[in-house]
Amino acid sequence: MGSAVWTASAVNYSNWFGLNVGIILFAIGFLNTVTNQLLIKHWEWRRFVGELCYIAFVSYFINLFVKLLEAAGIGSLPILVRAILSCLGVTTFCIAISLYQRANILMHPNDDTTNILRFFYLKGNAVAAQLVDFVPPVLAMAISFAVTKNLYAVNVGTIFSILFNGLIIQTADKVIWPKLKHNFKSLTSPSIKD
C-alpha cells in the first residue's frame, strides 16, 4: 500500500537496476550524507561517519524486515487493513523521527537533511523541510517511471507520507515528550534550542 517517499524511490530503482533494495538505500544514504555536509557548509567527519554507519545498519535491516513482513503474509491482507497499517507505520516512524531529531545523537541522513533544512534554512518549519526533502525522491521516481513505465511501492501510504510527515513530526514535537527540546547543532556551531 505504499511506503515512505525515500524508500519508494529506492524500491523503484531496485526494480529498475535489479539490485537489492538495501544496496540502493545505502547508495541514496551515502549521497544524502554528502549533501548534508554541503548544506552545513563545512565538513564534519563525526556526522559523516555516524550517518554512514547508521545507513549501513538500516539498509541491512530493511531487507530483513521486508522478508519478515512477506513471510507473515501482510501483503495478502485485505486492502483496507493494509492501507491502515501503511498509514500507521508512517505515523509511527514520524513520531520516532520527532524524538530522535530532538535528541540529535545520531540520525539517518535523510532525517538529518530535514533537520538541517528546518533549522538552517526554513525557520524551524518541519512541514516545509519535509516537503523540500521529498523533491529528490519524487524526481527520482519520475525518472524511473519515464524509463521503466512502472511505479512500485507508491500508493496510499506514500501519499499519506507526502501530505502528513512534516505535520506529524511537528505535532509530535509538541505532544510526545514535550520537555525534550531540539538539540540541533552543527558540531562546530552553537546549538539551536526551541
C-alpha atoms as a PDB file:
ATOM      1  CA  MET A   1       0.000   0.000   0.000  1.00  0.00           C
ATOM      2  CA  GLY A   2       2.966   2.274  -0.469  1.00  0.00           C
ATOM      3  CA  SER A   3       5.964   3.195   1.574  1.00  0.00           C
ATOM      4  CA  ALA A   4       7.711   6.363   2.669  1.00  0.00           C
ATOM      5  CA  VAL A   5       8.871   8.544  -0.207  1.00  0.00           C
ATOM      6  CA  TRP A   6      12.619   7.850   0.010  1.00  0.00           C
ATOM      7  CA  THR A   7      12.009   4.124   0.411  1.00  0.00           C
ATOM      8  CA  ALA A   8       9.572   4.126  -2.512  1.00  0.00           C
ATOM      9  CA  SER A   9      12.213   5.732  -4.718  1.00  0.00           C
ATOM     10  CA  ALA A  10      14.705   3.053  -3.606  1.00  0.00           C
ATOM     11  CA  VAL A  11      12.230   0.285  -4.456  1.00  0.00           C
ATOM     12  CA  ASN A  12      11.741   1.761  -7.933  1.00  0.00           C
ATOM     13  CA  TYR A  13      15.493   1.908  -8.572  1.00  0.00           C
ATOM     14  CA  SER A  14      15.907  -1.572  -7.124  1.00  0.00           C
ATOM     15  CA  ASN A  15      13.419  -2.899  -9.671  1.00  0.00           C
ATOM     16  CA  TRP A  16      14.922  -0.825 -12.488  1.00  0.00           C
ATOM     17  CA  PHE A  17      18.524  -1.941 -11.916  1.00  0.00           C
ATOM     18  CA  GLY A  18      17.802  -5.392 -10.483  1.00  0.00           C
ATOM     19  CA  LEU A  19      19.718  -4.618  -7.300  1.00  0.00           C
ATOM     20  CA  ASN A  20      18.870  -5.364  -3.703  1.00  0.00           C
ATOM     21  CA  VAL A  21      16.833  -2.519  -2.162  1.00  0.00           C
ATOM     22  CA  GLY A  22      19.304  -2.362   0.743  1.00  0.00           C
ATOM     23  CA  ILE A  23      22.129  -1.521  -1.667  1.00  0.00           C
ATOM     24  CA  ILE A  24      20.029   1.229  -3.266  1.00  0.00           C
ATOM     25  CA  LEU A  25      19.102   2.615   0.177  1.00  0.00           C
ATOM     26  CA  PHE A  26      22.763   2.668   1.159  1.00  0.00           C
ATOM     27  CA  ALA A  27      23.700   4.492  -2.059  1.00  0.00           C
ATOM     28  CA  ILE A  28      20.929   7.062  -1.502  1.00  0.00           C
ATOM     29  CA  GLY A  29      22.013   7.440   2.122  1.00  0.00           C
ATOM     30  CA  PHE A  30      25.633   7.995   1.057  1.00  0.00           C
ATOM     31  CA  LEU A  31      24.576  10.719  -1.390  1.00  0.00           C
ATOM     32  CA  ASN A  32      22.376  12.260   1.288  1.00  0.00           C
ATOM     33  CA  THR A  33      25.263  12.208   3.776  1.00  0.00           C
ATOM     34  CA  VAL A  34      27.441  14.142   1.311  1.00  0.00           C
ATOM     35  CA  THR A  35      24.543  16.546   0.655  1.00  0.00           C
ATOM     36  CA  ASN A  36      24.280  17.212   4.391  1.00  0.00           C
ATOM     37  CA  GLN A  37      27.941  18.242   4.510  1.00  0.00           C
ATOM     38  CA  LEU A  38      27.275  20.694   1.673  1.00  0.00           C
ATOM     39  CA  LEU A  39      24.160  22.061   3.388  1.00  0.00           C
ATOM     40  CA  ILE A  40      26.012  22.792   6.645  1.00  0.00           C
ATOM     41  CA  LYS A  41      28.777  24.443   4.577  1.00  0.00           C
ATOM     42  CA  HIS A  42      31.707  22.673   6.232  1.00  0.00           C
ATOM     43  CA  TRP A  43      32.913  19.125   6.756  1.00  0.00           C
ATOM     44  CA  GLU A  44      32.055  17.287   9.976  1.00  0.00           C
ATOM     45  CA  TRP A  45      33.725  13.881   9.965  1.00  0.00           C
ATOM     46  CA  ARG A  46      31.855  12.636  13.036  1.00  0.00           C
ATOM     47  CA  ARG A  47      28.490  13.441  11.451  1.00  0.00           C
ATOM     48  CA  PHE A  48      29.572  11.951   8.105  1.00  0.00           C
ATOM     49  CA  VAL A  49      30.866   8.675   9.553  1.00  0.00           C
ATOM     50  CA  GLY A  50      27.945   8.395  12.009  1.00  0.00           C
ATOM     51  CA  GLU A  51      25.393   8.781   9.239  1.00  0.00           C
ATOM     52  CA  LEU A  52      27.175   6.215   7.041  1.00  0.00           C
ATOM     53  CA  CYS A  53      27.183   3.720   9.914  1.00  0.00           C
ATOM     54  CA  TYR A  54      23.504   4.425  10.551  1.00  0.00           C
ATOM     55  CA  ILE A  55      22.504   3.912   6.920  1.00  0.00           C
ATOM     56  CA  ALA A  56      24.560   0.717   6.654  1.00  0.00           C
ATOM     57  CA  PHE A  57      22.701  -0.686   9.654  1.00  0.00           C
ATOM     58  CA  VAL A  58      19.258   0.480   8.474  1.00  0.00           C
ATOM     59  CA  SER A  59      19.658  -0.667   4.865  1.00  0.00           C
ATOM     60  CA  TYR A  60      20.573  -4.161   6.058  1.00  0.00           C
ATOM     61  CA  PHE A  61      17.619  -4.374   8.436  1.00  0.00           C
ATOM     62  CA  ILE A  62      15.106  -3.047   5.904  1.00  0.00           C
ATOM     63  CA  ASN A  63      15.880  -6.092   3.749  1.00  0.00           C
ATOM     64  CA  LEU A  64      15.349  -8.328   6.756  1.00  0.00           C
ATOM     65  CA  PHE A  65      12.043  -6.677   7.696  1.00  0.00           C
ATOM     66  CA  VAL A  66      10.748  -6.878   4.118  1.00  0.00           C
ATOM     67  CA  LYS A  67      11.339 -10.632   4.176  1.00  0.00           C
ATOM     68  CA  LEU A  68       9.699 -10.975   7.599  1.00  0.00           C
ATOM     69  CA  LEU A  69       6.608  -8.989   6.545  1.00  0.00           C
ATOM     70  CA  GLU A  70       6.314 -11.036   3.357  1.00  0.00           C
ATOM     71  CA  ALA A  71       6.601 -14.263   5.369  1.00  0.00           C
ATOM     72  CA  ALA A  72       3.931 -13.001   7.788  1.00  0.00           C
ATOM     73  CA  GLY A  73       1.514 -12.576   4.871  1.00  0.00           C
ATOM     74  CA  ILE A  74       0.972  -8.842   5.302  1.00  0.00           C
ATOM     75  CA  GLY A  75       0.711  -8.428   1.528  1.00  0.00           C
ATOM     76  CA  SER A  76      -2.276 -10.766   1.355  1.00  0.00           C
ATOM     77  CA  LEU A  77      -4.355  -8.947   3.982  1.00  0.00           C
ATOM     78  CA  PRO A  78      -7.466  -7.057   2.825  1.00  0.00           C
ATOM     79  CA  ILE A  79      -6.700  -3.767   1.093  1.00  0.00           C
ATOM     80  CA  LEU A  80      -8.268  -1.605   3.820  1.00  0.00           C
ATOM     81  CA  VAL A  81      -6.214  -3.335   6.527  1.00  0.00           C
ATOM     82  CA  ARG A  82      -3.016  -2.864   4.505  1.00  0.00           C
ATOM     83  CA  ALA A  83      -3.845   0.818   3.925  1.00  0.00           C
ATOM     84  CA  ILE A  84      -4.418   1.354   7.648  1.00  0.00           C
ATOM     85  CA  LEU A  85      -1.197  -0.498   8.528  1.00  0.00           C
ATOM     86  CA  SER A  86       0.737   1.571   5.991  1.00  0.00           C
ATOM     87  CA  CYS A  87      -0.542   4.876   7.398  1.00  0.00           C
ATOM     88  CA  LEU A  88       0.008   3.640  10.947  1.00  0.00           C
ATOM     89  CA  GLY A  89       3.589   2.753  10.015  1.00  0.00           C
ATOM     90  CA  VAL A  90       4.168   6.252   8.610  1.00  0.00           C
ATOM     91  CA  THR A  91       2.697   7.799  11.761  1.00  0.00           C
ATOM     92  CA  THR A  92       4.870   5.618  13.990  1.00  0.00           C
ATOM     93  CA  PHE A  93       8.112   6.438  12.210  1.00  0.00           C
ATOM     94  CA  CYS A  94       7.222  10.160  12.172  1.00  0.00           C
ATOM     95  CA  ILE A  95       6.838  10.078  15.957  1.00  0.00           C
ATOM     96  CA  ALA A  96      10.178   8.258  16.200  1.00  0.00           C
ATOM     97  CA  ILE A  97      11.774  10.862  13.911  1.00  0.00           C
ATOM     98  CA  SER A  98      10.463  13.631  16.150  1.00  0.00           C
ATOM     99  CA  LEU A  99      12.044  12.035  19.206  1.00  0.00           C
ATOM    100  CA  TYR A 100      15.411  11.260  17.759  1.00  0.00           C
ATOM    101  CA  GLN A 101      15.696  14.537  15.842  1.00  0.00           C
ATOM    102  CA  ARG A 102      15.191  16.341  19.135  1.00  0.00           C
ATOM    103  CA  ALA A 103      17.787  14.187  20.886  1.00  0.00           C
ATOM    104  CA  ASN A 104      20.157  14.636  17.900  1.00  0.00           C
ATOM    105  CA  ILE A 105      22.632  11.956  18.898  1.00  0.00           C
ATOM    106  CA  LEU A 106      22.846  10.048  15.623  1.00  0.00           C
ATOM    107  CA  MET A 107      20.454  10.280  12.694  1.00  0.00           C
ATOM    108  CA  HIS A 108      19.535   8.724   9.406  1.00  0.00           C
ATOM    109  CA  PRO A 109      20.992  11.015   6.706  1.00  0.00           C
ATOM    110  CA  ASN A 110      17.538  11.862   5.282  1.00  0.00           C
ATOM    111  CA  ASP A 111      16.266  12.885   8.708  1.00  0.00           C
ATOM    112  CA  ASP A 112      19.370  14.978   9.303  1.00  0.00           C
ATOM    113  CA  THR A 113      18.680  16.690   5.972  1.00  0.00           C
ATOM    114  CA  THR A 114      15.211  17.691   7.136  1.00  0.00           C
ATOM    115  CA  ASN A 115      16.672  18.957  10.407  1.00  0.00           C
ATOM    116  CA  ILE A 116      19.326  20.969   8.545  1.00  0.00           C
ATOM    117  CA  LEU A 117      16.709  22.376   6.165  1.00  0.00           C
ATOM    118  CA  ARG A 118      14.344  23.062   9.046  1.00  0.00           C
ATOM    119  CA  PHE A 119      16.749  24.971  11.269  1.00  0.00           C
ATOM    120  CA  PHE A 120      19.351  26.429   8.885  1.00  0.00           C
ATOM    121  CA  TYR A 121      17.074  27.385   6.006  1.00  0.00           C
ATOM    122  CA  LEU A 122      13.340  27.222   6.850  1.00  0.00           C
ATOM    123  CA  LYS A 123      12.942  28.977  10.223  1.00  0.00           C
ATOM    124  CA  GLY A 124      12.045  25.804  12.142  1.00  0.00           C
ATOM    125  CA  ASN A 125       9.197  24.736   9.835  1.00  0.00           C
ATOM    126  CA  ALA A 126       9.079  20.915   9.846  1.00  0.00           C
ATOM    127  CA  VAL A 127       6.343  20.734   7.189  1.00  0.00           C
ATOM    128  CA  ALA A 128       8.313  22.840   4.697  1.00  0.00           C
ATOM    129  CA  ALA A 129      11.520  20.915   5.473  1.00  0.00           C
ATOM    130  CA  GLN A 130       9.846  17.573   4.752  1.00  0.00           C
ATOM    131  CA  LEU A 131       8.319  18.832   1.510  1.00  0.00           C
ATOM    132  CA  VAL A 132      11.668  20.189   0.276  1.00  0.00           C
ATOM    133  CA  ASP A 133      13.382  16.930   1.320  1.00  0.00           C
ATOM    134  CA  PHE A 134      10.851  14.964  -0.743  1.00  0.00           C
ATOM    135  CA  VAL A 135      11.723  16.716  -4.023  1.00  0.00           C
ATOM    136  CA  PRO A 136      14.737  14.469  -4.900  1.00  0.00           C
ATOM    137  CA  PRO A 137      12.978  11.117  -4.360  1.00  0.00           C
ATOM    138  CA  VAL A 138       9.858  12.266  -6.225  1.00  0.00           C
ATOM    139  CA  LEU A 139      12.042  13.382  -9.144  1.00  0.00           C
ATOM    140  CA  ALA A 140      13.933  10.069  -8.946  1.00  0.00           C
ATOM    141  CA  MET A 141      10.653   8.148  -9.147  1.00  0.00           C
ATOM    142  CA  ALA A 142       9.534  10.274 -12.106  1.00  0.00           C
ATOM    143  CA  ILE A 143      12.783   9.454 -13.937  1.00  0.00           C
ATOM    144  CA  SER A 144      12.457   5.772 -13.079  1.00  0.00           C
ATOM    145  CA  PHE A 145       8.853   5.746 -14.279  1.00  0.00           C
ATOM    146  CA  ALA A 146       9.784   7.554 -17.513  1.00  0.00           C
ATOM    147  CA  VAL A 147      12.347   4.869 -18.307  1.00  0.00           C
ATOM    148  CA  THR A 148      10.689   1.693 -16.994  1.00  0.00           C
ATOM    149  CA  LYS A 149       6.989   2.638 -17.362  1.00  0.00           C
ATOM    150  CA  ASN A 150       6.461   1.040 -13.923  1.00  0.00           C
ATOM    151  CA  LEU A 151       5.912   2.524 -10.482  1.00  0.00           C
ATOM    152  CA  TYR A 152       6.475   0.427  -7.368  1.00  0.00           C
ATOM    153  CA  ALA A 153       5.780   0.986  -3.648  1.00  0.00           C
ATOM    154  CA  VAL A 154       3.695   4.093  -4.331  1.00  0.00           C
ATOM    155  CA  ASN A 155       0.151   4.029  -3.001  1.00  0.00           C
ATOM    156  CA  VAL A 156      -1.944   5.303  -0.100  1.00  0.00           C
ATOM    157  CA  GLY A 157       0.958   5.166   2.378  1.00  0.00           C
ATOM    158  CA  THR A 158       3.200   7.218   0.093  1.00  0.00           C
ATOM    159  CA  ILE A 159       0.578   9.915  -0.429  1.00  0.00           C
ATOM    160  CA  PHE A 160      -0.116   9.921   3.318  1.00  0.00           C
ATOM    161  CA  SER A 161       3.626  10.317   3.916  1.00  0.00           C
ATOM    162  CA  ILE A 162       3.957  13.227   1.472  1.00  0.00           C
ATOM    163  CA  LEU A 163       0.949  15.027   2.925  1.00  0.00           C
ATOM    164  CA  PHE A 164       1.468  14.379   6.633  1.00  0.00           C
ATOM    165  CA  ASN A 165       5.104  13.547   7.525  1.00  0.00           C
ATOM    166  CA  GLY A 166       6.032  17.104   8.455  1.00  0.00           C
ATOM    167  CA  LEU A 167       2.762  17.763  10.241  1.00  0.00           C
ATOM    168  CA  ILE A 168       3.011  14.550  12.295  1.00  0.00           C
ATOM    169  CA  ILE A 169       6.635  15.303  13.229  1.00  0.00           C
ATOM    170  CA  GLN A 170       5.802  18.906  14.144  1.00  0.00           C
ATOM    171  CA  THR A 171       2.787  17.774  16.218  1.00  0.00           C
ATOM    172  CA  ALA A 172       4.786  15.026  17.932  1.00  0.00           C
ATOM    173  CA  ASP A 173       7.404  17.651  18.849  1.00  0.00           C
ATOM    174  CA  LYS A 174       4.696  19.380  20.882  1.00  0.00           C
ATOM    175  CA  VAL A 175       2.701  16.467  22.335  1.00  0.00           C
ATOM    176  CA  ILE A 176       5.046  13.462  22.641  1.00  0.00           C
ATOM    177  CA  TRP A 177       7.554  14.141  25.415  1.00  0.00           C
ATOM    178  CA  PRO A 178       7.317  17.937  25.006  1.00  0.00           C
ATOM    179  CA  LYS A 179      10.115  18.588  27.512  1.00  0.00           C
ATOM    180  CA  LEU A 180      12.580  17.029  25.064  1.00  0.00           C
ATOM    181  CA  LYS A 181      13.710  20.102  23.132  1.00  0.00           C
ATOM    182  CA  HIS A 182      15.554  20.263  19.847  1.00  0.00           C
ATOM    183  CA  ASN A 183      19.250  19.926  20.363  1.00  0.00           C
ATOM    184  CA  PHE A 184      20.066  20.687  16.762  1.00  0.00           C
ATOM    185  CA  LYS A 185      23.616  21.726  16.192  1.00  0.00           C
ATOM    186  CA  SER A 186      26.417  21.710  13.812  1.00  0.00           C
ATOM    187  CA  LEU A 187      29.379  20.285  15.675  1.00  0.00           C
ATOM    188  CA  THR A 188      31.297  23.480  15.012  1.00  0.00           C
ATOM    189  CA  SER A 189      28.459  25.919  15.722  1.00  0.00           C
ATOM    190  CA  PRO A 190      26.270  26.665  18.729  1.00  0.00           C
ATOM    191  CA  SER A 191      23.174  24.599  19.477  1.00  0.00           C
ATOM    192  CA  ILE A 192      19.779  25.756  18.332  1.00  0.00           C
ATOM    193  CA  LYS A 193      17.186  25.112  21.001  1.00  0.00           C
ATOM    194  CA  ASP A 194      13.496  25.774  20.530  1.00  0.00           C
END
